[in-house]
N, C-alpha and C. Protein backbone atom coordinates (compact mmCIF):
# COMPACT_ATOMS: atom_id res chain seq x y z
N MET A 1 22.93 -6.96 4.12
CA MET A 1 21.59 -7.34 3.79
C MET A 1 21.60 -8.63 2.86
N SER A 2 20.91 -9.63 3.25
CA SER A 2 20.84 -10.84 2.44
C SER A 2 19.82 -10.61 1.29
N ILE A 3 20.28 -10.89 0.08
CA ILE A 3 19.38 -10.68 -1.05
C ILE A 3 19.14 -11.91 -1.87
N ASN A 4 17.91 -12.21 -2.13
CA ASN A 4 17.58 -13.28 -3.04
C ASN A 4 17.34 -12.64 -4.37
N ARG A 5 18.07 -12.99 -5.36
CA ARG A 5 18.10 -12.31 -6.63
C ARG A 5 16.87 -12.75 -7.58
N ILE A 6 16.60 -14.02 -7.63
CA ILE A 6 15.62 -14.53 -8.62
C ILE A 6 14.50 -15.17 -7.87
N PHE A 7 13.32 -14.67 -8.02
CA PHE A 7 12.10 -15.38 -7.47
C PHE A 7 11.36 -15.95 -8.60
N LEU A 8 10.80 -17.14 -8.42
CA LEU A 8 9.96 -17.77 -9.42
C LEU A 8 8.52 -17.41 -9.06
N ASP A 9 7.87 -16.84 -10.00
CA ASP A 9 6.48 -16.30 -9.82
C ASP A 9 5.43 -17.42 -10.29
N THR A 10 5.15 -18.37 -9.45
CA THR A 10 4.20 -19.43 -9.80
C THR A 10 3.76 -20.11 -8.59
N ALA A 11 2.67 -20.93 -8.63
CA ALA A 11 2.28 -21.81 -7.61
C ALA A 11 2.22 -23.21 -8.17
N GLU A 12 2.66 -23.49 -9.33
CA GLU A 12 2.66 -24.78 -9.95
C GLU A 12 3.91 -25.61 -9.44
N VAL A 13 3.68 -26.65 -8.72
CA VAL A 13 4.74 -27.35 -8.11
C VAL A 13 5.68 -27.97 -9.05
N ASP A 14 5.27 -28.45 -10.18
CA ASP A 14 6.17 -29.13 -11.20
C ASP A 14 7.10 -27.99 -11.75
N GLU A 15 6.59 -26.78 -12.04
CA GLU A 15 7.51 -25.74 -12.45
C GLU A 15 8.49 -25.33 -11.41
N ILE A 16 8.06 -25.25 -10.13
CA ILE A 16 8.97 -24.86 -9.11
C ILE A 16 10.02 -25.94 -8.93
N LYS A 17 9.69 -27.22 -8.98
CA LYS A 17 10.65 -28.30 -8.86
C LYS A 17 11.64 -28.21 -10.01
N ASP A 18 11.17 -28.03 -11.14
CA ASP A 18 12.15 -27.91 -12.32
C ASP A 18 13.09 -26.71 -12.15
N ALA A 19 12.57 -25.61 -11.83
CA ALA A 19 13.40 -24.40 -11.67
C ALA A 19 14.30 -24.48 -10.49
N VAL A 20 13.89 -25.00 -9.41
CA VAL A 20 14.71 -25.10 -8.22
C VAL A 20 15.92 -26.07 -8.44
N SER A 21 15.75 -27.10 -9.31
CA SER A 21 16.79 -27.95 -9.66
C SER A 21 18.04 -27.34 -10.31
N THR A 22 17.82 -26.12 -10.85
CA THR A 22 18.97 -25.48 -11.48
C THR A 22 19.92 -24.77 -10.34
N GLY A 23 19.37 -24.62 -9.21
CA GLY A 23 20.19 -24.05 -8.18
C GLY A 23 20.23 -22.50 -8.29
N LEU A 24 19.41 -21.88 -9.19
CA LEU A 24 19.47 -20.50 -9.49
C LEU A 24 18.23 -19.79 -8.91
N VAL A 25 17.31 -20.37 -8.28
CA VAL A 25 16.07 -19.74 -7.76
C VAL A 25 16.36 -19.45 -6.23
N GLY A 26 16.12 -18.12 -5.90
CA GLY A 26 16.29 -17.70 -4.44
C GLY A 26 15.05 -17.76 -3.60
N GLY A 27 13.86 -17.75 -4.34
CA GLY A 27 12.62 -17.68 -3.57
C GLY A 27 11.48 -17.98 -4.49
N ILE A 28 10.36 -18.33 -3.92
CA ILE A 28 9.06 -18.58 -4.70
C ILE A 28 8.04 -17.46 -4.32
N ALA A 29 7.41 -16.90 -5.32
CA ALA A 29 6.42 -15.85 -5.12
C ALA A 29 5.17 -16.37 -5.63
N THR A 30 4.12 -16.54 -4.83
CA THR A 30 2.82 -16.94 -5.34
C THR A 30 1.79 -15.82 -5.08
N ASN A 31 0.57 -15.94 -5.62
CA ASN A 31 -0.47 -15.01 -5.24
C ASN A 31 -1.79 -15.76 -5.22
N PRO A 32 -2.83 -15.12 -4.76
CA PRO A 32 -4.16 -15.90 -4.58
C PRO A 32 -4.65 -16.41 -5.90
N ASN A 33 -4.41 -15.71 -6.98
CA ASN A 33 -4.88 -16.14 -8.29
C ASN A 33 -4.25 -17.48 -8.78
N LYS A 34 -2.96 -17.50 -8.60
CA LYS A 34 -2.15 -18.61 -8.87
C LYS A 34 -2.48 -19.86 -8.02
N ILE A 35 -2.74 -19.60 -6.70
CA ILE A 35 -3.03 -20.72 -5.76
C ILE A 35 -4.44 -21.15 -6.17
N ALA A 36 -5.36 -20.20 -6.39
CA ALA A 36 -6.73 -20.62 -6.76
C ALA A 36 -6.78 -21.55 -8.00
N GLN A 37 -5.94 -21.19 -8.95
CA GLN A 37 -5.91 -22.05 -10.18
C GLN A 37 -5.29 -23.47 -9.90
N SER A 38 -4.43 -23.55 -8.90
CA SER A 38 -3.88 -24.84 -8.62
C SER A 38 -4.84 -25.76 -7.90
N GLY A 39 -5.92 -25.14 -7.41
CA GLY A 39 -6.97 -25.99 -6.71
C GLY A 39 -6.50 -26.45 -5.30
N LYS A 40 -5.46 -25.78 -4.66
CA LYS A 40 -4.90 -26.22 -3.43
C LYS A 40 -5.06 -25.02 -2.47
N THR A 41 -4.79 -25.30 -1.17
CA THR A 41 -4.75 -24.30 -0.08
C THR A 41 -3.36 -23.82 0.03
N TYR A 42 -3.12 -22.70 0.79
CA TYR A 42 -1.84 -22.12 1.02
C TYR A 42 -1.00 -23.35 1.66
N ARG A 43 -1.48 -24.02 2.68
CA ARG A 43 -0.71 -25.00 3.32
C ARG A 43 -0.37 -26.12 2.43
N GLU A 44 -1.25 -26.64 1.57
CA GLU A 44 -1.03 -27.69 0.66
C GLU A 44 0.17 -27.19 -0.26
N VAL A 45 0.06 -26.08 -0.83
CA VAL A 45 1.12 -25.68 -1.69
C VAL A 45 2.44 -25.51 -0.98
N MET A 46 2.46 -25.01 0.28
CA MET A 46 3.69 -24.79 1.09
C MET A 46 4.26 -26.18 1.31
N ASP A 47 3.41 -27.14 1.74
CA ASP A 47 3.96 -28.53 2.16
C ASP A 47 4.65 -29.12 0.94
N GLU A 48 4.06 -28.99 -0.21
CA GLU A 48 4.64 -29.61 -1.41
C GLU A 48 5.94 -29.02 -1.79
N ILE A 49 5.96 -27.67 -1.67
CA ILE A 49 7.25 -26.99 -2.04
C ILE A 49 8.30 -27.26 -0.95
N ARG A 50 7.95 -27.45 0.25
CA ARG A 50 8.85 -27.64 1.32
C ARG A 50 9.54 -29.06 1.21
N GLN A 51 8.97 -29.94 0.46
CA GLN A 51 9.62 -31.26 0.22
C GLN A 51 10.94 -31.15 -0.58
N PHE A 52 11.17 -30.09 -1.25
CA PHE A 52 12.40 -29.88 -2.06
C PHE A 52 12.98 -28.49 -2.00
N PHE A 53 12.38 -27.55 -1.35
CA PHE A 53 12.89 -26.21 -1.29
C PHE A 53 12.72 -25.56 0.13
N GLU A 54 13.86 -25.09 0.71
CA GLU A 54 13.82 -24.62 2.04
C GLU A 54 13.89 -23.12 2.08
N GLY A 55 13.98 -22.38 0.94
CA GLY A 55 14.06 -20.97 0.92
C GLY A 55 12.73 -20.20 1.14
N PRO A 56 12.81 -18.86 0.89
CA PRO A 56 11.55 -18.10 1.07
C PRO A 56 10.54 -18.45 0.15
N ILE A 57 9.22 -18.59 0.65
CA ILE A 57 8.03 -18.60 -0.18
C ILE A 57 7.18 -17.53 0.29
N ILE A 58 6.51 -16.86 -0.72
CA ILE A 58 5.74 -15.71 -0.48
C ILE A 58 4.27 -15.96 -0.66
N PHE A 59 3.40 -15.80 0.35
CA PHE A 59 2.01 -15.82 0.29
C PHE A 59 1.33 -14.44 0.55
N GLN A 60 0.22 -14.27 -0.07
CA GLN A 60 -0.52 -12.97 0.14
C GLN A 60 -1.55 -12.99 1.35
N ALA A 61 -1.36 -11.95 2.23
CA ALA A 61 -2.32 -11.77 3.40
C ALA A 61 -3.40 -10.78 2.90
N LEU A 62 -4.58 -11.08 3.22
CA LEU A 62 -5.76 -10.32 2.60
C LEU A 62 -6.63 -9.82 3.75
N GLY A 63 -7.32 -8.74 3.52
CA GLY A 63 -8.25 -8.18 4.42
C GLY A 63 -8.57 -6.80 4.06
N ARG A 64 -9.70 -6.27 4.57
CA ARG A 64 -10.08 -4.93 4.28
C ARG A 64 -9.82 -3.86 5.42
N THR A 65 -9.39 -4.45 6.61
CA THR A 65 -9.06 -3.62 7.72
C THR A 65 -7.56 -3.97 8.15
N VAL A 66 -6.91 -3.13 8.91
CA VAL A 66 -5.70 -3.44 9.41
C VAL A 66 -5.77 -4.72 10.22
N GLY A 67 -6.72 -4.84 11.06
CA GLY A 67 -6.72 -5.97 11.95
C GLY A 67 -6.89 -7.26 11.09
N GLU A 68 -7.71 -7.27 10.05
CA GLU A 68 -7.85 -8.46 9.21
C GLU A 68 -6.57 -8.86 8.46
N VAL A 69 -5.83 -7.77 7.93
CA VAL A 69 -4.55 -8.10 7.32
C VAL A 69 -3.57 -8.65 8.29
N VAL A 70 -3.42 -8.03 9.50
CA VAL A 70 -2.44 -8.47 10.52
C VAL A 70 -2.78 -9.92 10.88
N LYS A 71 -4.07 -10.21 11.15
CA LYS A 71 -4.42 -11.54 11.58
C LYS A 71 -4.11 -12.57 10.50
N HIS A 72 -4.41 -12.32 9.25
CA HIS A 72 -4.04 -13.30 8.22
C HIS A 72 -2.61 -13.39 8.04
N ALA A 73 -1.84 -12.27 8.14
CA ALA A 73 -0.32 -12.34 7.96
C ALA A 73 0.21 -13.20 9.05
N LEU A 74 -0.30 -13.01 10.29
CA LEU A 74 0.25 -13.85 11.40
C LEU A 74 0.01 -15.31 11.25
N GLU A 75 -1.21 -15.65 10.68
CA GLU A 75 -1.56 -16.93 10.41
C GLU A 75 -0.63 -17.63 9.39
N ILE A 76 -0.29 -16.87 8.37
CA ILE A 76 0.71 -17.37 7.40
C ILE A 76 2.10 -17.52 7.99
N HIS A 77 2.57 -16.56 8.69
CA HIS A 77 3.79 -16.61 9.41
C HIS A 77 3.98 -17.78 10.36
N GLN A 78 2.89 -18.07 11.00
CA GLN A 78 2.86 -19.23 11.96
C GLN A 78 3.00 -20.58 11.25
N MET A 79 2.59 -20.66 9.98
CA MET A 79 2.68 -21.93 9.24
C MET A 79 4.16 -22.21 9.07
N ASP A 80 5.01 -21.20 8.88
CA ASP A 80 6.42 -21.48 8.69
C ASP A 80 7.14 -20.11 8.70
N PRO A 81 8.09 -19.91 9.73
CA PRO A 81 8.75 -18.64 9.91
C PRO A 81 9.53 -18.24 8.64
N MET A 82 9.85 -19.13 7.80
CA MET A 82 10.58 -18.80 6.53
C MET A 82 9.81 -18.17 5.51
N LEU A 83 8.45 -18.26 5.70
CA LEU A 83 7.57 -17.60 4.73
C LEU A 83 7.65 -16.13 4.75
N ALA A 84 7.48 -15.53 3.57
CA ALA A 84 7.31 -14.06 3.52
C ALA A 84 5.87 -13.79 3.21
N VAL A 85 5.40 -12.62 3.58
CA VAL A 85 3.91 -12.34 3.48
C VAL A 85 3.73 -11.10 2.58
N LYS A 86 3.02 -11.20 1.44
CA LYS A 86 2.64 -10.09 0.69
C LYS A 86 1.53 -9.33 1.31
N VAL A 87 1.71 -8.02 1.32
CA VAL A 87 0.65 -7.12 1.91
C VAL A 87 0.43 -6.06 0.87
N THR A 88 -0.75 -5.67 0.51
CA THR A 88 -1.05 -4.59 -0.42
C THR A 88 -0.47 -3.25 0.03
N ALA A 89 0.17 -2.55 -0.84
CA ALA A 89 0.81 -1.35 -0.35
C ALA A 89 -0.23 -0.12 -0.42
N ASN A 90 -1.27 -0.23 0.32
CA ASN A 90 -2.19 0.85 0.46
C ASN A 90 -2.17 1.30 1.97
N LYS A 91 -3.09 2.27 2.28
CA LYS A 91 -3.03 2.76 3.73
C LYS A 91 -3.19 1.71 4.75
N VAL A 92 -4.18 0.78 4.46
CA VAL A 92 -4.46 -0.34 5.33
C VAL A 92 -3.21 -1.25 5.45
N GLY A 93 -2.68 -1.70 4.24
CA GLY A 93 -1.65 -2.56 4.20
C GLY A 93 -0.28 -2.06 4.83
N LEU A 94 -0.01 -0.79 4.50
CA LEU A 94 1.20 -0.13 5.07
C LEU A 94 1.11 -0.06 6.57
N THR A 95 -0.01 0.29 7.05
CA THR A 95 -0.25 0.38 8.58
C THR A 95 -0.06 -1.05 9.15
N ALA A 96 -0.55 -2.10 8.42
CA ALA A 96 -0.35 -3.40 8.95
C ALA A 96 1.13 -3.84 8.90
N ILE A 97 1.83 -3.43 7.80
CA ILE A 97 3.25 -3.73 7.78
C ILE A 97 4.05 -3.17 8.91
N LYS A 98 3.74 -1.93 9.31
CA LYS A 98 4.40 -1.27 10.41
C LYS A 98 4.17 -2.07 11.71
N GLN A 99 3.04 -2.77 11.78
CA GLN A 99 2.78 -3.60 13.06
C GLN A 99 3.43 -4.94 12.90
N LEU A 100 3.58 -5.44 11.68
CA LEU A 100 3.92 -6.83 11.49
C LEU A 100 5.54 -6.95 11.55
N VAL A 101 6.27 -6.00 11.05
CA VAL A 101 7.67 -6.16 11.02
C VAL A 101 8.28 -6.27 12.39
N PRO A 102 7.81 -5.62 13.44
CA PRO A 102 8.41 -5.78 14.76
C PRO A 102 8.01 -7.14 15.38
N GLU A 103 7.08 -7.86 14.76
CA GLU A 103 6.63 -9.23 15.23
C GLU A 103 7.53 -10.25 14.50
N GLY A 104 8.38 -9.86 13.75
CA GLY A 104 9.23 -10.80 13.02
C GLY A 104 8.65 -11.32 11.74
N VAL A 105 7.64 -10.70 11.27
CA VAL A 105 7.00 -11.09 9.93
C VAL A 105 7.75 -10.46 8.81
N ARG A 106 8.26 -11.24 7.85
CA ARG A 106 9.00 -10.74 6.68
C ARG A 106 7.88 -10.40 5.68
N THR A 107 7.63 -9.06 5.52
CA THR A 107 6.60 -8.67 4.59
C THR A 107 7.20 -8.30 3.29
N ASN A 108 6.29 -8.33 2.26
CA ASN A 108 6.54 -7.93 0.86
C ASN A 108 5.46 -7.02 0.49
N ALA A 109 5.67 -5.76 0.45
CA ALA A 109 4.63 -4.74 0.08
C ALA A 109 4.40 -4.96 -1.48
N THR A 110 3.24 -5.11 -1.89
CA THR A 110 2.90 -5.54 -3.30
C THR A 110 1.84 -4.67 -3.88
N LEU A 111 1.60 -4.86 -5.16
CA LEU A 111 0.74 -4.02 -5.98
C LEU A 111 1.15 -2.50 -5.99
N ILE A 112 2.44 -2.35 -6.07
CA ILE A 112 3.00 -0.93 -6.11
C ILE A 112 3.04 -0.44 -7.49
N PHE A 113 2.38 0.68 -7.76
CA PHE A 113 2.46 1.41 -9.00
C PHE A 113 2.96 2.84 -8.91
N ASN A 114 2.79 3.35 -7.65
CA ASN A 114 3.25 4.80 -7.40
C ASN A 114 4.50 4.76 -6.59
N PRO A 115 5.54 5.53 -6.98
CA PRO A 115 6.88 5.44 -6.35
C PRO A 115 6.70 5.69 -4.78
N THR A 116 5.76 6.61 -4.46
CA THR A 116 5.61 6.89 -3.01
C THR A 116 5.06 5.67 -2.22
N GLN A 117 4.32 4.77 -2.88
CA GLN A 117 3.93 3.54 -2.22
C GLN A 117 5.21 2.78 -1.79
N GLY A 118 6.15 2.75 -2.69
CA GLY A 118 7.40 1.98 -2.40
C GLY A 118 8.18 2.72 -1.28
N LEU A 119 8.21 4.04 -1.36
CA LEU A 119 8.83 4.85 -0.26
C LEU A 119 8.23 4.54 1.02
N MET A 120 6.91 4.59 1.19
CA MET A 120 6.25 4.41 2.37
C MET A 120 6.47 2.97 2.98
N ALA A 121 6.51 2.01 2.03
CA ALA A 121 6.76 0.60 2.48
C ALA A 121 8.25 0.43 3.07
N GLY A 122 9.09 1.21 2.47
CA GLY A 122 10.53 1.16 2.94
C GLY A 122 10.54 1.85 4.26
N LEU A 123 9.83 2.93 4.43
CA LEU A 123 9.87 3.63 5.74
C LEU A 123 9.15 2.77 6.83
N ALA A 124 8.25 1.92 6.40
CA ALA A 124 7.59 1.00 7.40
C ALA A 124 8.45 -0.12 7.73
N GLY A 125 9.52 -0.30 7.04
CA GLY A 125 10.47 -1.37 7.30
C GLY A 125 10.25 -2.69 6.61
N SER A 126 9.47 -2.62 5.56
CA SER A 126 9.19 -3.95 4.87
C SER A 126 10.51 -4.43 4.23
N PRO A 127 10.87 -5.72 4.45
CA PRO A 127 12.12 -6.17 3.91
C PRO A 127 12.12 -6.37 2.42
N PHE A 128 10.88 -6.56 1.87
CA PHE A 128 10.68 -6.60 0.42
C PHE A 128 9.55 -5.65 -0.09
N ILE A 129 9.78 -5.11 -1.29
CA ILE A 129 8.62 -4.47 -1.99
C ILE A 129 8.56 -4.90 -3.42
N SER A 130 7.37 -4.91 -4.00
CA SER A 130 7.28 -5.40 -5.37
C SER A 130 6.56 -4.41 -6.25
N PRO A 131 7.29 -3.61 -6.84
CA PRO A 131 6.69 -2.66 -7.92
C PRO A 131 6.36 -3.50 -9.16
N PHE A 132 5.16 -3.21 -9.74
CA PHE A 132 4.67 -3.97 -10.85
C PHE A 132 5.12 -3.35 -12.19
N VAL A 133 5.55 -4.17 -13.15
CA VAL A 133 6.08 -3.66 -14.38
C VAL A 133 5.12 -3.99 -15.58
N GLY A 134 4.82 -5.24 -15.81
CA GLY A 134 3.94 -5.61 -17.03
C GLY A 134 2.53 -4.98 -16.83
N ARG A 135 1.94 -5.15 -15.62
CA ARG A 135 0.59 -4.66 -15.48
C ARG A 135 0.55 -3.20 -15.51
N ALA A 136 1.64 -2.49 -15.11
CA ALA A 136 1.69 -1.10 -15.24
C ALA A 136 1.67 -0.63 -16.70
N ARG A 137 2.43 -1.34 -17.47
CA ARG A 137 2.66 -1.08 -18.90
C ARG A 137 1.21 -1.20 -19.65
N MET A 138 0.36 -2.10 -19.15
CA MET A 138 -0.87 -2.31 -19.79
C MET A 138 -1.86 -1.08 -19.67
N ILE A 139 -1.59 -0.23 -18.66
CA ILE A 139 -2.42 0.94 -18.54
C ILE A 139 -1.60 2.20 -18.91
N GLY A 140 -0.49 1.99 -19.68
CA GLY A 140 0.26 3.21 -20.17
C GLY A 140 1.17 3.74 -19.13
N GLN A 141 1.51 3.08 -18.01
CA GLN A 141 2.40 3.53 -16.97
C GLN A 141 3.77 2.82 -17.14
N ASN A 142 4.80 3.54 -16.90
CA ASN A 142 6.17 2.98 -17.06
C ASN A 142 6.66 2.44 -15.66
N GLY A 143 6.53 1.07 -15.44
CA GLY A 143 6.95 0.50 -14.17
C GLY A 143 8.41 0.49 -13.97
N ILE A 144 9.21 0.53 -15.10
CA ILE A 144 10.67 0.60 -15.04
C ILE A 144 11.10 1.93 -14.36
N ASP A 145 10.46 2.95 -14.79
CA ASP A 145 10.72 4.32 -14.21
C ASP A 145 10.43 4.40 -12.84
N THR A 146 9.29 3.73 -12.34
CA THR A 146 8.89 3.64 -11.02
C THR A 146 9.92 2.96 -10.18
N ILE A 147 10.53 1.91 -10.65
CA ILE A 147 11.62 1.17 -9.86
C ILE A 147 12.78 2.13 -9.76
N GLY A 148 13.13 2.74 -10.80
CA GLY A 148 14.29 3.64 -10.74
C GLY A 148 14.09 4.81 -9.74
N THR A 149 12.96 5.36 -9.78
CA THR A 149 12.61 6.45 -8.79
C THR A 149 12.56 5.97 -7.39
N ILE A 150 12.08 4.79 -7.17
CA ILE A 150 12.01 4.25 -5.77
C ILE A 150 13.49 4.07 -5.26
N ARG A 151 14.31 3.52 -6.20
CA ARG A 151 15.70 3.19 -5.76
C ARG A 151 16.37 4.51 -5.41
N ARG A 152 16.16 5.63 -6.20
CA ARG A 152 16.84 6.86 -5.90
C ARG A 152 16.30 7.43 -4.60
N MET A 153 14.96 7.30 -4.36
CA MET A 153 14.50 7.70 -3.10
C MET A 153 15.04 6.99 -1.89
N PHE A 154 15.15 5.63 -2.06
CA PHE A 154 15.81 4.85 -1.03
C PHE A 154 17.18 5.28 -0.67
N ASP A 155 17.91 5.66 -1.78
CA ASP A 155 19.33 6.02 -1.58
C ASP A 155 19.35 7.40 -0.89
N SER A 156 18.38 8.26 -1.21
CA SER A 156 18.28 9.62 -0.64
C SER A 156 18.04 9.46 0.80
N PHE A 157 17.03 8.59 1.16
CA PHE A 157 16.64 8.48 2.54
C PHE A 157 17.43 7.44 3.39
N CYS A 158 18.49 6.82 2.74
CA CYS A 158 19.33 5.85 3.31
C CYS A 158 18.59 4.65 3.86
N ILE A 159 17.54 4.28 3.02
CA ILE A 159 16.82 2.99 3.33
C ILE A 159 17.56 1.84 2.66
N GLU A 160 18.18 1.05 3.52
CA GLU A 160 19.09 0.01 3.12
C GLU A 160 18.71 -1.46 3.40
N ASN A 161 17.49 -1.52 4.06
CA ASN A 161 17.18 -2.91 4.45
C ASN A 161 15.89 -3.35 3.80
N THR A 162 15.62 -2.69 2.73
CA THR A 162 14.41 -3.07 1.89
C THR A 162 14.79 -3.49 0.45
N ASN A 163 14.54 -4.75 0.06
CA ASN A 163 14.77 -5.26 -1.28
C ASN A 163 13.74 -4.84 -2.29
N ILE A 164 14.09 -4.26 -3.39
CA ILE A 164 13.18 -4.02 -4.45
C ILE A 164 13.13 -5.26 -5.37
N ILE A 165 12.02 -5.74 -5.45
CA ILE A 165 11.78 -7.02 -6.25
C ILE A 165 10.84 -6.69 -7.43
N GLY A 166 11.40 -6.51 -8.67
CA GLY A 166 10.55 -6.20 -9.74
C GLY A 166 9.53 -7.35 -10.06
N ALA A 167 8.30 -7.04 -10.27
CA ALA A 167 7.22 -8.07 -10.44
C ALA A 167 6.37 -7.78 -11.58
N SER A 168 5.51 -8.77 -11.87
CA SER A 168 4.63 -8.63 -13.04
C SER A 168 5.52 -8.55 -14.27
N ILE A 169 6.38 -9.46 -14.50
CA ILE A 169 7.45 -9.48 -15.51
C ILE A 169 6.87 -10.36 -16.67
N LYS A 170 6.91 -9.73 -17.88
CA LYS A 170 6.28 -10.41 -19.08
C LYS A 170 7.35 -11.02 -20.07
N ASP A 171 8.62 -10.59 -19.96
CA ASP A 171 9.57 -11.04 -20.99
C ASP A 171 10.96 -10.74 -20.45
N VAL A 172 11.96 -11.34 -21.08
CA VAL A 172 13.40 -11.21 -20.76
C VAL A 172 13.81 -9.74 -20.76
N ASP A 173 13.38 -8.97 -21.79
CA ASP A 173 13.82 -7.55 -21.88
C ASP A 173 13.29 -6.81 -20.57
N GLN A 174 12.17 -7.07 -20.01
CA GLN A 174 11.74 -6.45 -18.72
C GLN A 174 12.63 -6.90 -17.61
N VAL A 175 13.13 -8.11 -17.57
CA VAL A 175 14.13 -8.63 -16.58
C VAL A 175 15.32 -7.60 -16.62
N ILE A 176 15.84 -7.43 -17.76
CA ILE A 176 17.10 -6.65 -17.95
C ILE A 176 16.72 -5.17 -17.52
N GLU A 177 15.67 -4.62 -18.01
CA GLU A 177 15.26 -3.21 -17.62
C GLU A 177 15.13 -3.00 -16.14
N VAL A 178 14.49 -3.96 -15.44
CA VAL A 178 14.23 -3.92 -14.03
C VAL A 178 15.55 -3.92 -13.23
N ILE A 179 16.49 -4.77 -13.62
CA ILE A 179 17.82 -4.77 -12.91
C ILE A 179 18.54 -3.57 -13.21
N LEU A 180 18.64 -3.12 -14.37
CA LEU A 180 19.32 -1.94 -14.69
C LEU A 180 18.70 -0.69 -14.07
N ALA A 181 17.39 -0.68 -13.77
CA ALA A 181 16.75 0.47 -13.09
C ALA A 181 17.06 0.53 -11.62
N GLY A 182 17.75 -0.64 -11.01
CA GLY A 182 18.12 -0.56 -9.66
C GLY A 182 17.43 -1.61 -8.81
N ALA A 183 16.63 -2.42 -9.37
CA ALA A 183 15.95 -3.49 -8.46
C ALA A 183 17.05 -4.46 -7.94
N HIS A 184 16.78 -4.92 -6.69
CA HIS A 184 17.65 -5.82 -6.05
C HIS A 184 17.40 -7.22 -6.58
N GLY A 185 16.20 -7.55 -7.06
CA GLY A 185 15.87 -8.84 -7.54
C GLY A 185 14.67 -8.77 -8.47
N VAL A 186 14.19 -9.89 -8.95
CA VAL A 186 13.18 -9.93 -9.98
C VAL A 186 12.32 -11.17 -9.69
N ALA A 187 11.02 -11.12 -9.81
CA ALA A 187 10.13 -12.33 -9.72
C ALA A 187 9.66 -12.53 -11.19
N VAL A 188 9.91 -13.79 -11.66
CA VAL A 188 9.70 -14.04 -13.05
C VAL A 188 8.80 -15.28 -13.19
N PRO A 189 7.83 -15.35 -14.14
CA PRO A 189 7.05 -16.60 -14.32
C PRO A 189 8.02 -17.70 -15.01
N PHE A 190 7.60 -18.92 -14.92
CA PHE A 190 8.48 -20.04 -15.39
C PHE A 190 8.88 -19.94 -16.86
N PRO A 191 7.99 -19.44 -17.76
CA PRO A 191 8.53 -19.40 -19.14
C PRO A 191 9.55 -18.32 -19.31
N VAL A 192 9.46 -17.19 -18.56
CA VAL A 192 10.55 -16.20 -18.62
C VAL A 192 11.77 -16.67 -18.03
N PHE A 193 11.67 -17.43 -16.86
CA PHE A 193 12.89 -17.97 -16.26
C PHE A 193 13.69 -18.84 -17.19
N GLU A 194 12.96 -19.69 -17.97
CA GLU A 194 13.55 -20.59 -18.94
C GLU A 194 14.23 -19.84 -20.01
N ALA A 195 13.46 -18.70 -20.49
CA ALA A 195 13.97 -17.95 -21.62
C ALA A 195 15.23 -17.21 -21.31
N MET A 196 15.42 -16.91 -19.97
CA MET A 196 16.66 -16.21 -19.51
C MET A 196 17.92 -16.98 -19.80
N MET A 197 17.72 -18.33 -20.01
CA MET A 197 18.93 -19.19 -20.23
C MET A 197 19.07 -19.73 -21.60
N GLU A 198 18.27 -19.31 -22.48
CA GLU A 198 18.26 -19.80 -23.80
C GLU A 198 18.37 -18.70 -24.90
N HIS A 199 18.84 -19.18 -26.07
CA HIS A 199 18.94 -18.29 -27.28
C HIS A 199 19.00 -19.21 -28.47
N PRO A 200 18.25 -18.89 -29.54
CA PRO A 200 18.28 -19.75 -30.77
C PRO A 200 19.75 -19.98 -31.30
N MET A 201 20.57 -18.96 -31.19
CA MET A 201 21.96 -19.07 -31.74
C MET A 201 22.75 -20.01 -30.90
N THR A 202 22.43 -20.08 -29.54
CA THR A 202 23.14 -20.92 -28.58
C THR A 202 22.67 -22.37 -28.94
N THR A 203 21.46 -22.64 -29.16
CA THR A 203 20.99 -24.00 -29.62
C THR A 203 21.65 -24.38 -30.84
N GLN A 204 21.64 -23.52 -31.79
CA GLN A 204 22.25 -23.78 -33.15
C GLN A 204 23.75 -24.14 -32.99
N GLY A 205 24.43 -23.30 -32.24
CA GLY A 205 25.87 -23.54 -32.02
C GLY A 205 26.11 -24.87 -31.30
N LEU A 206 25.34 -25.14 -30.28
CA LEU A 206 25.57 -26.42 -29.60
C LEU A 206 25.36 -27.63 -30.41
N GLU A 207 24.31 -27.58 -31.28
CA GLU A 207 23.94 -28.67 -32.22
C GLU A 207 25.28 -28.89 -33.16
N ARG A 208 25.77 -27.81 -33.60
CA ARG A 208 26.83 -27.89 -34.55
C ARG A 208 28.07 -28.50 -33.81
N PHE A 209 28.36 -28.07 -32.62
CA PHE A 209 29.47 -28.61 -31.87
C PHE A 209 29.38 -29.99 -31.55
N LEU A 210 28.07 -30.41 -31.16
CA LEU A 210 27.92 -31.82 -30.93
C LEU A 210 28.08 -32.73 -32.13
N SER A 211 27.68 -32.28 -33.31
CA SER A 211 27.82 -32.90 -34.57
C SER A 211 29.35 -33.01 -34.90
N GLU A 212 30.07 -32.00 -34.75
CA GLU A 212 31.51 -31.99 -35.00
C GLU A 212 32.31 -32.84 -34.06
N PHE A 213 31.80 -32.84 -32.67
CA PHE A 213 32.42 -33.75 -31.74
C PHE A 213 32.26 -35.16 -32.08
N GLU A 214 31.11 -35.60 -32.66
CA GLU A 214 30.95 -36.93 -33.03
C GLU A 214 31.97 -37.35 -34.12
N GLU A 215 32.27 -36.36 -35.05
CA GLU A 215 33.37 -36.62 -36.03
C GLU A 215 34.59 -36.89 -35.33
N ILE A 216 34.99 -36.10 -34.27
CA ILE A 216 36.22 -36.22 -33.61
C ILE A 216 36.33 -37.57 -32.88
N ARG A 217 35.23 -37.94 -32.23
CA ARG A 217 35.25 -39.30 -31.55
C ARG A 217 35.50 -40.44 -32.50
N LYS A 218 35.04 -40.31 -33.67
CA LYS A 218 35.18 -41.50 -34.61
C LYS A 218 36.70 -41.70 -35.00
N ARG A 219 37.50 -40.65 -34.71
CA ARG A 219 38.92 -40.63 -35.04
C ARG A 219 39.70 -41.40 -33.91
N SER A 220 38.99 -41.61 -32.77
CA SER A 220 39.79 -42.25 -31.64
C SER A 220 40.02 -43.79 -31.88
């Protein structure tokens, strides 16, 4: 199973370009809220990202009926076969996923808060699922436990082709907790992505080394 470990959770092209330049980003996860804030359409965002990134980009398919969700998902898929399509993990969305996967659409079951939502998405064959962590914590629910439970259920049912991507991540500690709970990957906003590579003591140590190296160079 091919796994993309780190997804960047944003629709801001400048942030995406910066993060992609590190070579550490496996995919881009957007949502309607982020795209609405950008003032662009799905296609405009996709076209801009495709100028410098060829990996998976995730867009949300929306609708109140199975037919509406399937129709929107196919429209997204037809824009670019490398796109993945977020589908809400409720009865309508899970039914749509079951229809979309045989059509070659790479779905990501999203807005997962109940472990059985994740299980049903895995049984439907969704290549990706996104249990929410930060948003769950806001209502007193432990999203980390949800991920751990889903992973154990997947192992019990021998579901091997669904990647668990921890989403709604608010800080670096949640990144660590998500991975240790058994997630295959994590979708992080740009500030968290940057924070994963920094530490005040690292900065302090580097500045000291640079200063000392200048003294060494003077001896040459």
